[in-house]
Amino acid sequence: MSVRDIRLFGDPILRSVASPVVDFDKQIRTLVRDLTDTMLAAPGAGLAAPQIGVGLRVFTYHVDDVVGHLVNPELSLSDETQYGEEGCLSIPGLTFDCTRAYGVVARGFDMYGEPVVVEGTETLARCLQHETDHLDGVLFVDRLDPATRKLAMKVIREAEWDDAPPVVKQSPHALFGRGM
């Protein structure tokens, strides 16, 4: 078991776009195991590689007793939306309600380079979107409505774990701050 440190809000890697995985080798399998071990130890519903300081398009998830991972994910989002609580291991102790797509079809690869399709609604859909956002340098606070985001940033600035000035990034997605 290899539990890694989780990078916190303000770390520049959390705002960087992760690179696609091109070699499905032992290093990727080790990364997936480290992500899984770290996510389960935290505990969390998901963890993306940038959250442990690795700029690759890989994440793990643990929803409804199912543990999985995706490499180089691409999402297709439903038109239907959901509004509910969301948090992040890189922003400890902070949760806010956030709008996301209700359903997702995620296509990508497993750690061996085999194609994988994961379909989910509700919590799994929220998790898949959240973790894919991490791979694009987007945090869930970027998806909050302006008033809630302002409150979230105030809480982050006052957090005991915060040792870096917050970096606010606007969502690159079409419906800024709202679900797809």
C-alpha atoms as a PDB file:
ATOM      1  CA  MET A   1       0.000   0.000   0.000  1.00  0.00           C
ATOM      2  CA  SER A   2       1.328   3.418  -0.973  1.00  0.00           C
ATOM      3  CA  VAL A   3      -0.611   6.377   0.382  1.00  0.00           C
ATOM      4  CA  ARG A   4       0.581   9.671  -1.089  1.00  0.00           C
ATOM      5  CA  ASP A   5       0.159  13.248   0.124  1.00  0.00           C
ATOM      6  CA  ILE A   6      -2.847  15.033  -1.346  1.00  0.00           C
ATOM      7  CA  ARG A   7      -2.133  18.444  -2.835  1.00  0.00           C
ATOM      8  CA  LEU A   8      -4.263  21.259  -1.430  1.00  0.00           C
ATOM      9  CA  PHE A   9      -6.012  24.228  -3.001  1.00  0.00           C
ATOM     10  CA  GLY A  10      -3.386  26.754  -4.113  1.00  0.00           C
ATOM     11  CA  ASP A  11      -0.941  24.147  -5.444  1.00  0.00           C
ATOM     12  CA  PRO A  12      -0.299  25.079  -9.107  1.00  0.00           C
ATOM     13  CA  ILE A  13      -0.644  21.487 -10.351  1.00  0.00           C
ATOM     14  CA  LEU A  14      -4.349  21.591  -9.452  1.00  0.00           C
ATOM     15  CA  ARG A  15      -4.782  24.367 -12.033  1.00  0.00           C
ATOM     16  CA  SER A  16      -2.796  22.653 -14.799  1.00  0.00           C
ATOM     17  CA  VAL A  17      -4.232  20.598 -17.636  1.00  0.00           C
ATOM     18  CA  ALA A  18      -2.996  17.016 -17.265  1.00  0.00           C
ATOM     19  CA  SER A  19      -1.249  15.266 -20.152  1.00  0.00           C
ATOM     20  CA  PRO A  20      -2.728  12.194 -21.839  1.00  0.00           C
ATOM     21  CA  VAL A  21      -1.230   8.845 -20.961  1.00  0.00           C
ATOM     22  CA  VAL A  22       0.583   7.366 -23.956  1.00  0.00           C
ATOM     23  CA  ASP A  23       2.433   4.440 -22.364  1.00  0.00           C
ATOM     24  CA  PHE A  24       0.399   1.906 -20.410  1.00  0.00           C
ATOM     25  CA  ASP A  25       3.337   0.546 -18.477  1.00  0.00           C
ATOM     26  CA  LYS A  26       4.267  -0.435 -14.937  1.00  0.00           C
ATOM     27  CA  GLN A  27       4.419   3.234 -13.903  1.00  0.00           C
ATOM     28  CA  ILE A  28       0.748   3.734 -14.818  1.00  0.00           C
ATOM     29  CA  ARG A  29      -0.262   0.606 -12.903  1.00  0.00           C
ATOM     30  CA  THR A  30       1.692   1.862  -9.882  1.00  0.00           C
ATOM     31  CA  LEU A  31       0.030   5.274 -10.218  1.00  0.00           C
ATOM     32  CA  VAL A  32      -3.447   3.692 -10.279  1.00  0.00           C
ATOM     33  CA  ARG A  33      -2.615   1.630  -7.171  1.00  0.00           C
ATOM     34  CA  ASP A  34      -1.238   4.702  -5.359  1.00  0.00           C
ATOM     35  CA  LEU A  35      -4.318   6.736  -6.312  1.00  0.00           C
ATOM     36  CA  THR A  36      -6.632   3.956  -5.129  1.00  0.00           C
ATOM     37  CA  ASP A  37      -4.774   3.464  -1.831  1.00  0.00           C
ATOM     38  CA  THR A  38      -4.693   7.214  -1.171  1.00  0.00           C
ATOM     39  CA  MET A  39      -8.378   7.679  -2.081  1.00  0.00           C
ATOM     40  CA  LEU A  40      -9.501   4.821   0.178  1.00  0.00           C
ATOM     41  CA  ALA A  41      -7.306   5.987   3.063  1.00  0.00           C
ATOM     42  CA  ALA A  42      -8.547   9.601   2.859  1.00  0.00           C
ATOM     43  CA  PRO A  43     -11.428   8.439   2.464  1.00  0.00           C
ATOM     44  CA  GLY A  44     -12.862   9.937  -0.688  1.00  0.00           C
ATOM     45  CA  ALA A  45     -15.227   9.174  -3.560  1.00  0.00           C
ATOM     46  CA  GLY A  46     -12.554   9.926  -6.144  1.00  0.00           C
ATOM     47  CA  LEU A  47      -8.999  11.104  -6.640  1.00  0.00           C
ATOM     48  CA  ALA A  48      -7.259  12.438  -9.732  1.00  0.00           C
ATOM     49  CA  ALA A  49      -3.541  12.135 -10.472  1.00  0.00           C
ATOM     50  CA  PRO A  50      -2.900  15.910 -10.213  1.00  0.00           C
ATOM     51  CA  GLN A  51      -4.148  15.741  -6.619  1.00  0.00           C
ATOM     52  CA  ILE A  52      -1.073  13.672  -5.750  1.00  0.00           C
ATOM     53  CA  GLY A  53       1.230  15.786  -7.893  1.00  0.00           C
ATOM     54  CA  VAL A  54       1.168  13.765 -11.123  1.00  0.00           C
ATOM     55  CA  GLY A  55       0.124  15.642 -14.272  1.00  0.00           C
ATOM     56  CA  LEU A  56      -1.420  12.697 -16.126  1.00  0.00           C
ATOM     57  CA  ARG A  57      -5.041  12.063 -17.167  1.00  0.00           C
ATOM     58  CA  VAL A  58      -5.822   9.314 -14.647  1.00  0.00           C
ATOM     59  CA  PHE A  59      -8.329   9.110 -11.803  1.00  0.00           C
ATOM     60  CA  THR A  60      -9.837   6.567  -9.439  1.00  0.00           C
ATOM     61  CA  TYR A  61     -13.322   6.429  -7.957  1.00  0.00           C
ATOM     62  CA  HIS A  62     -15.135   4.661  -5.128  1.00  0.00           C
ATOM     63  CA  VAL A  63     -18.913   5.019  -5.360  1.00  0.00           C
ATOM     64  CA  ASP A  64     -21.576   2.601  -4.091  1.00  0.00           C
ATOM     65  CA  ASP A  65     -18.895   0.084  -3.044  1.00  0.00           C
ATOM     66  CA  VAL A  66     -17.457   0.014  -6.580  1.00  0.00           C
ATOM     67  CA  VAL A  67     -13.776   0.919  -6.917  1.00  0.00           C
ATOM     68  CA  GLY A  68     -12.548   1.752 -10.397  1.00  0.00           C
ATOM     69  CA  HIS A  69     -10.277   3.943 -12.448  1.00  0.00           C
ATOM     70  CA  LEU A  70     -10.154   5.645 -15.830  1.00  0.00           C
ATOM     71  CA  VAL A  71      -7.221   6.710 -17.962  1.00  0.00           C
ATOM     72  CA  ASN A  72      -7.679   9.436 -20.596  1.00  0.00           C
ATOM     73  CA  PRO A  73     -11.434   9.812 -19.903  1.00  0.00           C
ATOM     74  CA  GLU A  74     -13.846  11.524 -22.255  1.00  0.00           C
ATOM     75  CA  LEU A  75     -17.340  12.310 -21.014  1.00  0.00           C
ATOM     76  CA  SER A  76     -20.743  12.495 -22.673  1.00  0.00           C
ATOM     77  CA  LEU A  77     -23.159  14.341 -20.395  1.00  0.00           C
ATOM     78  CA  SER A  78     -26.933  14.091 -20.181  1.00  0.00           C
ATOM     79  CA  ASP A  79     -29.061  17.193 -20.677  1.00  0.00           C
ATOM     80  CA  GLU A  80     -30.782  16.519 -17.353  1.00  0.00           C
ATOM     81  CA  THR A  81     -29.086  18.122 -14.350  1.00  0.00           C
ATOM     82  CA  GLN A  82     -28.814  17.487 -10.630  1.00  0.00           C
ATOM     83  CA  TYR A  83     -28.108  19.859  -7.770  1.00  0.00           C
ATOM     84  CA  GLY A  84     -26.385  18.528  -4.686  1.00  0.00           C
ATOM     85  CA  GLU A  85     -23.556  18.539  -2.210  1.00  0.00           C
ATOM     86  CA  GLU A  86     -20.006  18.301  -3.466  1.00  0.00           C
ATOM     87  CA  GLY A  87     -16.627  18.422  -1.765  1.00  0.00           C
ATOM     88  CA  CYS A  88     -13.004  17.768  -2.629  1.00  0.00           C
ATOM     89  CA  LEU A  89     -10.044  16.122  -0.914  1.00  0.00           C
ATOM     90  CA  SER A  90      -7.900  19.051  -2.092  1.00  0.00           C
ATOM     91  CA  ILE A  91     -10.229  21.474  -0.277  1.00  0.00           C
ATOM     92  CA  PRO A  92     -10.689  19.618   3.020  1.00  0.00           C
ATOM     93  CA  GLY A  93     -13.795  20.195   5.090  1.00  0.00           C
ATOM     94  CA  LEU A  94     -15.582  22.341   2.505  1.00  0.00           C
ATOM     95  CA  THR A  95     -18.800  21.230   0.819  1.00  0.00           C
ATOM     96  CA  PHE A  96     -21.279  23.242  -1.207  1.00  0.00           C
ATOM     97  CA  ASP A  97     -24.199  22.433  -3.447  1.00  0.00           C
ATOM     98  CA  CYS A  98     -23.218  22.362  -7.094  1.00  0.00           C
ATOM     99  CA  THR A  99     -25.062  21.681 -10.355  1.00  0.00           C
ATOM    100  CA  ARG A 100     -23.826  18.811 -12.519  1.00  0.00           C
ATOM    101  CA  ALA A 101     -25.197  16.637 -15.291  1.00  0.00           C
ATOM    102  CA  TYR A 102     -27.465  13.916 -13.923  1.00  0.00           C
ATOM    103  CA  GLY A 103     -26.016  11.195 -16.149  1.00  0.00           C
ATOM    104  CA  VAL A 104     -22.632  10.506 -17.709  1.00  0.00           C
ATOM    105  CA  VAL A 105     -21.097   8.050 -20.115  1.00  0.00           C
ATOM    106  CA  ALA A 106     -17.329   8.021 -19.581  1.00  0.00           C
ATOM    107  CA  ARG A 107     -15.066   6.408 -22.156  1.00  0.00           C
ATOM    108  CA  GLY A 108     -11.406   5.799 -21.534  1.00  0.00           C
ATOM    109  CA  PHE A 109      -8.950   3.028 -20.776  1.00  0.00           C
ATOM    110  CA  ASP A 110      -7.947   0.847 -17.873  1.00  0.00           C
ATOM    111  CA  MET A 111      -4.371   0.716 -16.564  1.00  0.00           C
ATOM    112  CA  TYR A 112      -3.487  -1.911 -19.198  1.00  0.00           C
ATOM    113  CA  GLY A 113      -4.722   0.197 -22.124  1.00  0.00           C
ATOM    114  CA  GLU A 114      -7.946  -1.738 -22.633  1.00  0.00           C
ATOM    115  CA  PRO A 115     -11.030   0.343 -23.568  1.00  0.00           C
ATOM    116  CA  VAL A 116     -13.483   0.984 -20.721  1.00  0.00           C
ATOM    117  CA  VAL A 117     -16.962   2.516 -20.648  1.00  0.00           C
ATOM    118  CA  VAL A 118     -18.466   3.628 -17.336  1.00  0.00           C
ATOM    119  CA  GLU A 119     -22.085   4.798 -17.232  1.00  0.00           C
ATOM    120  CA  GLY A 120     -23.513   6.457 -14.176  1.00  0.00           C
ATOM    121  CA  THR A 121     -26.138   8.731 -12.741  1.00  0.00           C
ATOM    122  CA  GLU A 122     -26.409  10.782  -9.578  1.00  0.00           C
ATOM    123  CA  THR A 123     -23.362  10.242  -7.315  1.00  0.00           C
ATOM    124  CA  LEU A 124     -21.285   8.321  -9.856  1.00  0.00           C
ATOM    125  CA  ALA A 125     -22.049  10.908 -12.541  1.00  0.00           C
ATOM    126  CA  ARG A 126     -21.074  13.712 -10.150  1.00  0.00           C
ATOM    127  CA  CYS A 127     -17.836  11.915  -9.258  1.00  0.00           C
ATOM    128  CA  LEU A 128     -16.846  11.242 -12.881  1.00  0.00           C
ATOM    129  CA  GLN A 129     -17.415  14.900 -13.773  1.00  0.00           C
ATOM    130  CA  HIS A 130     -15.559  16.145 -10.687  1.00  0.00           C
ATOM    131  CA  GLU A 131     -12.502  13.973 -11.325  1.00  0.00           C
ATOM    132  CA  THR A 132     -12.409  14.768 -15.054  1.00  0.00           C
ATOM    133  CA  ASP A 133     -12.536  18.464 -14.133  1.00  0.00           C
ATOM    134  CA  HIS A 134      -9.380  17.917 -12.049  1.00  0.00           C
ATOM    135  CA  LEU A 135      -7.650  16.661 -15.185  1.00  0.00           C
ATOM    136  CA  ASP A 136      -8.591  19.947 -16.883  1.00  0.00           C
ATOM    137  CA  GLY A 137      -7.344  22.127 -14.005  1.00  0.00           C
ATOM    138  CA  VAL A 138     -10.886  22.916 -12.833  1.00  0.00           C
ATOM    139  CA  LEU A 139     -12.047  22.655  -9.212  1.00  0.00           C
ATOM    140  CA  PHE A 140     -15.628  22.261  -8.066  1.00  0.00           C
ATOM    141  CA  VAL A 141     -15.586  25.766  -6.545  1.00  0.00           C
ATOM    142  CA  ASP A 142     -15.220  27.080 -10.115  1.00  0.00           C
ATOM    143  CA  ARG A 143     -18.659  25.618 -10.860  1.00  0.00           C
ATOM    144  CA  LEU A 144     -20.469  27.362  -8.007  1.00  0.00           C
ATOM    145  CA  ASP A 145     -22.763  30.305  -8.655  1.00  0.00           C
ATOM    146  CA  PRO A 146     -20.990  33.638  -8.058  1.00  0.00           C
ATOM    147  CA  ALA A 147     -22.395  34.290  -4.560  1.00  0.00           C
ATOM    148  CA  THR A 148     -21.632  30.771  -3.351  1.00  0.00           C
ATOM    149  CA  ARG A 149     -18.163  30.864  -4.928  1.00  0.00           C
ATOM    150  CA  LYS A 150     -17.440  34.126  -3.096  1.00  0.00           C
ATOM    151  CA  LEU A 151     -18.459  32.475   0.191  1.00  0.00           C
ATOM    152  CA  ALA A 152     -16.367  29.378  -0.618  1.00  0.00           C
ATOM    153  CA  MET A 153     -13.299  31.505  -1.329  1.00  0.00           C
ATOM    154  CA  LYS A 154     -13.758  33.310   2.008  1.00  0.00           C
ATOM    155  CA  VAL A 155     -13.908  29.965   3.820  1.00  0.00           C
ATOM    156  CA  ILE A 156     -10.813  28.745   1.940  1.00  0.00           C
ATOM    157  CA  ARG A 157      -8.845  31.906   2.821  1.00  0.00           C
ATOM    158  CA  GLU A 158      -9.722  31.371   6.499  1.00  0.00           C
ATOM    159  CA  ALA A 159      -8.946  27.637   6.490  1.00  0.00           C
ATOM    160  CA  GLU A 160      -6.143  26.499   8.795  1.00  0.00           C
ATOM    161  CA  TRP A 161      -4.661  24.303   6.050  1.00  0.00           C
ATOM    162  CA  ASP A 162      -4.439  27.157   3.552  1.00  0.00           C
ATOM    163  CA  ASP A 163      -0.863  28.378   3.115  1.00  0.00           C
ATOM    164  CA  ALA A 164      -1.138  29.751  -0.391  1.00  0.00           C
ATOM    165  CA  PRO A 165      -3.269  32.523  -1.867  1.00  0.00           C
ATOM    166  CA  PRO A 166      -6.308  31.145  -3.678  1.00  0.00           C
ATOM    167  CA  VAL A 167      -6.242  30.961  -7.453  1.00  0.00           C
ATOM    168  CA  VAL A 168      -9.694  31.344  -8.959  1.00  0.00           C
ATOM    169  CA  LYS A 169     -10.206  29.990 -12.434  1.00  0.00           C
ATOM    170  CA  GLN A 170     -13.335  30.297 -14.486  1.00  0.00           C
ATOM    171  CA  SER A 171     -14.839  27.085 -15.779  1.00  0.00           C
ATOM    172  CA  PRO A 172     -13.831  26.421 -19.401  1.00  0.00           C
ATOM    173  CA  HIS A 173     -17.163  24.725 -20.011  1.00  0.00           C
ATOM    174  CA  ALA A 174     -20.012  26.401 -21.867  1.00  0.00           C
ATOM    175  CA  LEU A 175     -22.441  26.847 -18.984  1.00  0.00           C
ATOM    176  CA  PHE A 176     -19.991  28.495 -16.529  1.00  0.00           C
ATOM    177  CA  GLY A 177     -20.926  27.612 -12.993  1.00  0.00           C
ATOM    178  CA  ARG A 178     -23.955  25.532 -13.925  1.00  0.00           C
ATOM    179  CA  GLY A 179     -24.502  21.934 -14.954  1.00  0.00           C
ATOM    180  CA  MET A 180     -24.170  20.829 -18.506  1.00  0.00           C
END
